[in-house]
Protein backbone atom coordinates (compact mmCIF):
# COMPACT_ATOMS: atom_id res chain seq x y z
CA MET A 1 1.86 -17.66 -1.37
CA LYS A 2 5.24 -16.00 -1.84
CA PHE A 3 5.71 -12.26 -1.39
CA ALA A 4 8.56 -10.04 -2.57
CA VAL A 5 9.43 -7.24 -0.14
CA ILE A 6 11.15 -4.63 -2.29
CA VAL A 7 14.06 -2.87 -0.57
CA PHE A 8 15.32 0.52 -1.72
CA PRO A 9 18.19 2.54 -0.22
CA GLY A 10 16.42 4.30 2.64
CA SER A 11 13.60 1.79 3.14
CA ASN A 12 12.92 1.38 6.86
CA CYS A 13 9.68 -0.58 7.02
CA ASP A 14 10.90 -3.60 5.06
CA ALA A 15 11.52 -5.61 8.24
CA ASP A 16 8.02 -4.75 9.52
CA MET A 17 6.53 -5.96 6.23
CA TYR A 18 8.62 -9.16 6.29
CA HIS A 19 7.54 -9.86 9.88
CA ALA A 20 3.87 -9.32 9.02
CA ILE A 21 4.02 -11.85 6.18
CA LYS A 22 6.39 -14.43 7.63
CA ASP A 23 5.55 -14.44 11.33
CA GLU A 24 1.98 -13.19 11.57
CA LEU A 25 0.46 -14.33 8.26
CA GLY A 26 2.50 -17.52 7.99
CA GLU A 27 3.32 -17.11 4.30
CA GLU A 28 6.61 -16.94 2.40
CA ALA A 29 8.48 -13.64 2.10
CA GLU A 30 11.81 -12.63 0.62
CA TYR A 31 13.67 -9.34 0.51
CA VAL A 32 14.36 -8.16 -3.04
CA TRP A 33 17.00 -5.46 -3.59
CA HIS A 34 16.15 -2.57 -5.90
CA THR A 35 18.81 -3.57 -8.42
CA GLU A 36 17.19 -6.93 -9.20
CA LYS A 37 15.53 -7.47 -12.58
CA ASN A 38 13.20 -10.43 -12.07
CA LEU A 39 10.08 -10.99 -9.96
CA ASP A 40 8.75 -14.02 -11.81
CA GLY A 41 8.98 -16.32 -8.79
CA PHE A 42 6.69 -14.21 -6.62
CA ASP A 43 2.91 -14.17 -6.26
CA GLY A 44 2.59 -10.78 -4.58
CA ILE A 45 4.70 -7.61 -4.51
CA LEU A 46 5.09 -5.34 -1.45
CA LEU A 47 6.63 -1.86 -1.54
CA PRO A 48 7.31 -0.82 2.07
CA GLY A 49 7.58 2.59 3.68
CA GLY A 50 10.66 4.64 4.45
CA PHE A 51 12.65 7.33 2.69
CA SER A 52 13.83 5.78 -0.58
CA TYR A 53 16.91 7.59 -1.83
CA GLY A 54 16.50 10.07 1.01
CA ASP A 55 13.30 11.44 -0.56
CA TYR A 56 15.49 13.67 -2.74
CA LEU A 57 13.65 15.66 -5.43
CA ARG A 58 10.37 14.42 -3.94
CA SER A 59 9.18 11.23 -2.25
CA GLY A 60 9.45 8.22 -4.56
CA ALA A 61 10.73 10.22 -7.55
CA ILE A 62 14.13 8.49 -7.77
CA ALA A 63 12.99 5.03 -6.65
CA ARG A 64 10.57 5.03 -9.57
CA PHE A 65 13.60 4.60 -11.89
CA SER A 66 15.16 1.66 -10.04
CA ASN A 67 15.70 -1.53 -12.04
CA ILE A 68 13.12 -3.40 -10.01
CA MET A 69 10.30 -1.01 -10.90
CA ALA A 70 10.13 -2.28 -14.47
CA GLU A 71 9.42 -5.68 -12.95
CA VAL A 72 6.87 -4.26 -10.50
CA ILE A 73 5.03 -2.68 -13.44
CA LYS A 74 5.24 -5.97 -15.32
CA ALA A 75 3.81 -7.85 -12.31
CA ALA A 76 0.98 -5.32 -11.98
CA GLU A 77 0.12 -5.64 -15.67
CA ALA A 78 0.05 -9.43 -15.24
CA GLY A 79 -2.57 -9.07 -12.52
CA LYS A 80 -0.42 -9.89 -9.50
CA PRO A 81 -1.35 -8.08 -6.26
CA VAL A 82 0.90 -5.08 -5.65
CA LEU A 83 0.73 -3.19 -2.36
CA GLY A 84 2.54 0.09 -1.74
CA VAL A 85 2.50 1.49 1.79
CA CYS A 86 3.49 5.06 2.67
CA ASN A 87 6.67 5.63 0.63
CA GLY A 88 5.59 2.60 -1.40
CA PHE A 89 2.36 4.45 -2.23
CA GLN A 90 4.37 7.49 -3.25
CA ILE A 91 6.51 5.33 -5.56
CA LEU A 92 3.41 3.80 -7.17
CA LEU A 93 2.12 7.31 -7.89
CA GLU A 94 5.45 8.37 -9.39
CA ALA A 95 5.51 5.22 -11.53
CA GLY A 96 2.04 5.92 -12.90
CA LEU A 97 0.54 2.74 -11.49
CA LEU A 98 -1.90 4.88 -9.52
CA PRO A 99 -3.25 8.38 -10.30
CA GLY A 100 -2.57 11.52 -8.32
CA ALA A 101 0.32 12.90 -6.27
CA MET A 102 1.42 13.53 -2.70
CA ARG A 103 1.91 16.90 -1.09
CA ARG A 104 3.32 17.79 2.31
CA ASN A 105 1.00 17.41 5.28
CA THR A 106 -1.02 20.56 5.81
CA ASN A 107 0.64 21.18 9.19
CA LEU A 108 4.07 20.78 7.52
CA LYS A 109 5.08 18.27 10.21
CA PHE A 110 5.97 14.58 10.25
CA MET A 111 3.26 12.62 12.07
CA CYS A 112 3.52 9.17 13.63
CA ARG A 113 0.48 7.87 15.51
CA PRO A 114 -2.58 5.62 15.22
CA VAL A 115 -5.50 6.86 13.12
CA SER A 116 -8.98 5.54 12.41
CA LEU A 117 -9.83 4.37 8.89
CA ARG A 118 -13.14 3.44 7.31
CA VAL A 119 -13.24 0.60 4.79
CA GLU A 120 -14.96 2.16 1.79
CA ASN A 121 -14.83 -0.90 -0.47
CA ASN A 122 -14.63 -4.43 0.94
CA THR A 123 -14.93 -6.20 -2.41
CA THR A 124 -11.28 -5.82 -3.43
CA ILE A 125 -8.59 -8.48 -3.19
CA PHE A 126 -7.09 -6.41 -0.37
CA THR A 127 -10.23 -5.89 1.74
CA ASN A 128 -12.50 -8.92 1.36
CA SER A 129 -11.90 -9.96 4.98
CA TYR A 130 -13.29 -6.65 6.30
CA ASP A 131 -16.90 -5.58 6.70
CA ASN A 132 -17.99 -2.71 4.51
CA GLU A 133 -17.61 0.62 6.39
CA GLU A 134 -15.70 -1.21 9.14
CA ILE A 135 -13.68 1.18 11.31
CA ILE A 136 -10.12 0.06 11.89
CA SER A 137 -7.08 1.43 13.70
CA VAL A 138 -3.83 1.63 11.74
CA PRO A 139 -0.79 3.87 12.42
CA ILE A 140 0.56 6.57 10.11
CA ALA A 141 4.16 7.75 9.85
CA HIS A 142 4.69 10.35 7.13
CA GLY A 143 5.45 13.95 6.28
CA GLU A 144 4.06 13.89 2.74
CA GLY A 145 0.75 12.04 2.92
CA ASN A 146 -1.54 14.75 1.63
CA TYR A 147 -3.07 12.97 -1.38
CA TYR A 148 -4.16 15.17 -4.28
CA CYS A 149 -5.62 14.68 -7.76
CA ASP A 150 -7.65 16.76 -10.20
CA GLU A 151 -11.44 16.83 -10.18
CA ALA A 152 -11.79 14.47 -13.15
CA THR A 153 -9.60 11.85 -11.48
CA LEU A 154 -11.45 12.21 -8.19
CA SER A 155 -14.76 11.68 -9.98
CA GLN A 156 -13.41 8.53 -11.62
CA LEU A 157 -12.13 7.19 -8.30
CA LYS A 158 -15.56 7.75 -6.74
CA GLU A 159 -17.60 6.43 -9.66
CA ASN A 160 -15.55 3.23 -9.95
CA ASN A 161 -15.39 2.61 -6.19
CA ARG A 162 -11.61 2.85 -6.21
CA ILE A 163 -11.31 4.71 -2.91
CA VAL A 164 -10.62 1.80 -0.58
CA PHE A 165 -9.81 3.55 2.71
CA LYS A 166 -10.75 6.95 4.10
CA TYR A 167 -9.63 8.66 7.29
CA HIS A 168 -12.44 8.49 9.83
CA GLY A 169 -13.21 11.20 12.35
CA GLU A 170 -10.02 13.13 11.67
CA ASN A 171 -8.05 13.85 8.52
CA PRO A 172 -4.45 14.01 9.79
CA ASN A 173 -2.73 15.35 6.67
CA GLY A 174 -5.28 17.29 4.60
CA SER A 175 -5.69 14.51 2.02
CA LEU A 176 -8.30 15.31 -0.63
CA GLY A 177 -11.65 13.73 0.23
CA ASP A 178 -10.11 12.14 3.35
CA ILE A 179 -8.50 9.56 1.03
CA ALA A 180 -6.13 7.13 2.75
CA GLY A 181 -5.90 4.42 0.09
CA ILE A 182 -6.85 3.82 -3.57
CA ILE A 183 -6.67 1.01 -6.12
CA ASN A 184 -6.03 0.94 -9.86
CA GLU A 185 -8.70 0.24 -12.47
CA LYS A 186 -7.92 -3.47 -12.57
CA GLY A 187 -8.13 -3.67 -8.78
CA ASN A 188 -4.80 -5.41 -8.17
CA VAL A 189 -2.67 -2.40 -7.16
CA LEU A 190 -3.33 -0.72 -3.81
CA GLY A 191 -1.56 2.33 -2.43
CA MET A 192 -2.19 3.53 1.12
CA MET A 193 -0.44 5.89 3.50
CA PRO A 194 -1.25 4.16 6.84
CA HIS A 195 0.86 1.12 7.79
CA PRO A 196 -1.15 -2.14 8.01
CA GLU A 197 2.08 -4.09 8.61
CA ARG A 198 2.44 -2.22 11.91
CA ALA A 199 -1.04 -3.32 13.01
CA VAL A 200 -0.83 -7.12 12.84
CA ASP A 201 -0.68 -8.01 16.55
CA PRO A 202 -2.55 -6.70 19.63
CA LEU A 203 0.85 -6.11 21.25
CA LEU A 204 1.41 -3.41 18.64
CA GLY A 205 -1.83 -1.69 19.64
CA SER A 206 -3.98 -3.14 16.86
CA ALA A 207 -4.28 -6.27 14.73
CA ASP A 208 -6.63 -4.62 12.24
CA GLY A 209 -4.02 -4.54 9.49
CA LEU A 210 -3.65 -8.32 9.43
CA LYS A 211 -6.99 -8.69 7.65
CA LEU A 212 -5.55 -6.85 4.66
CA PHE A 213 -2.83 -9.44 4.17
CA GLN A 214 -5.28 -12.27 4.88
CA SER A 215 -7.51 -10.85 2.15
CA ILE A 216 -4.68 -10.99 -0.39
CA VAL A 217 -3.93 -14.63 0.42
CA LYS A 218 -7.61 -15.55 0.38
CA SER A 219 -8.06 -13.99 -3.07
CA TRP A 220 -4.91 -15.63 -4.40
CA ARG A 221 -5.93 -19.07 -3.16
CA GLU A 222 -9.42 -18.77 -4.57
CA SER A 223 -7.99 -17.64 -7.91
CA TYR A 224 -5.45 -20.47 -7.91
CA VAL A 225 -8.06 -23.11 -7.15
CA PHE A 226 -10.35 -21.70 -9.83
CA THR A 227 -7.68 -21.67 -12.53
CA ALA A 228 -5.85 -24.87 -11.57
């Protein structure tokens, strides 16, 4: 499976994402600069964390208009797995690929530390290697991770089982409903604030994030075998 790691000016987790795919997962990965206009040769799309365009205006607002985002939207509409982490999640929200918006953390501070997550839905292409309600440890690193949406959207997320991860035990940023990660209606676009790519080896403090990437590959292979 070949992954595109999208790189924007200000991305700083692209190398972490590349390492997770190439060295820990053992799959193909390639950096793709934001000015590119074609993602046809890739099976999965990864939008890493960082501070795209310096987070001017608001997080992800400028990156949303990069050339590559038209291709990310095209890939999502074609059913390819798209994962946005931290700033990548913010960009997916700005691009309309996921509902809702991000506000500043309730304590108005940048936070960088491990948190506990609960797997709310283990039937997605991103979570099929986890047990349902499994508690995992994944680090956060953000100043605007306070997820918000209106009541109608929240009801839809709950009713359609689209809340994939919730903060467990402690909500570090004030996110509505303890939400840490959500998927789109089709189930192939996931946005999450915690960094699974920084939890792929016990030396990093946790390997719990590796299962997320293993889930993507497992789903892709099963789909490929079925359609081939």
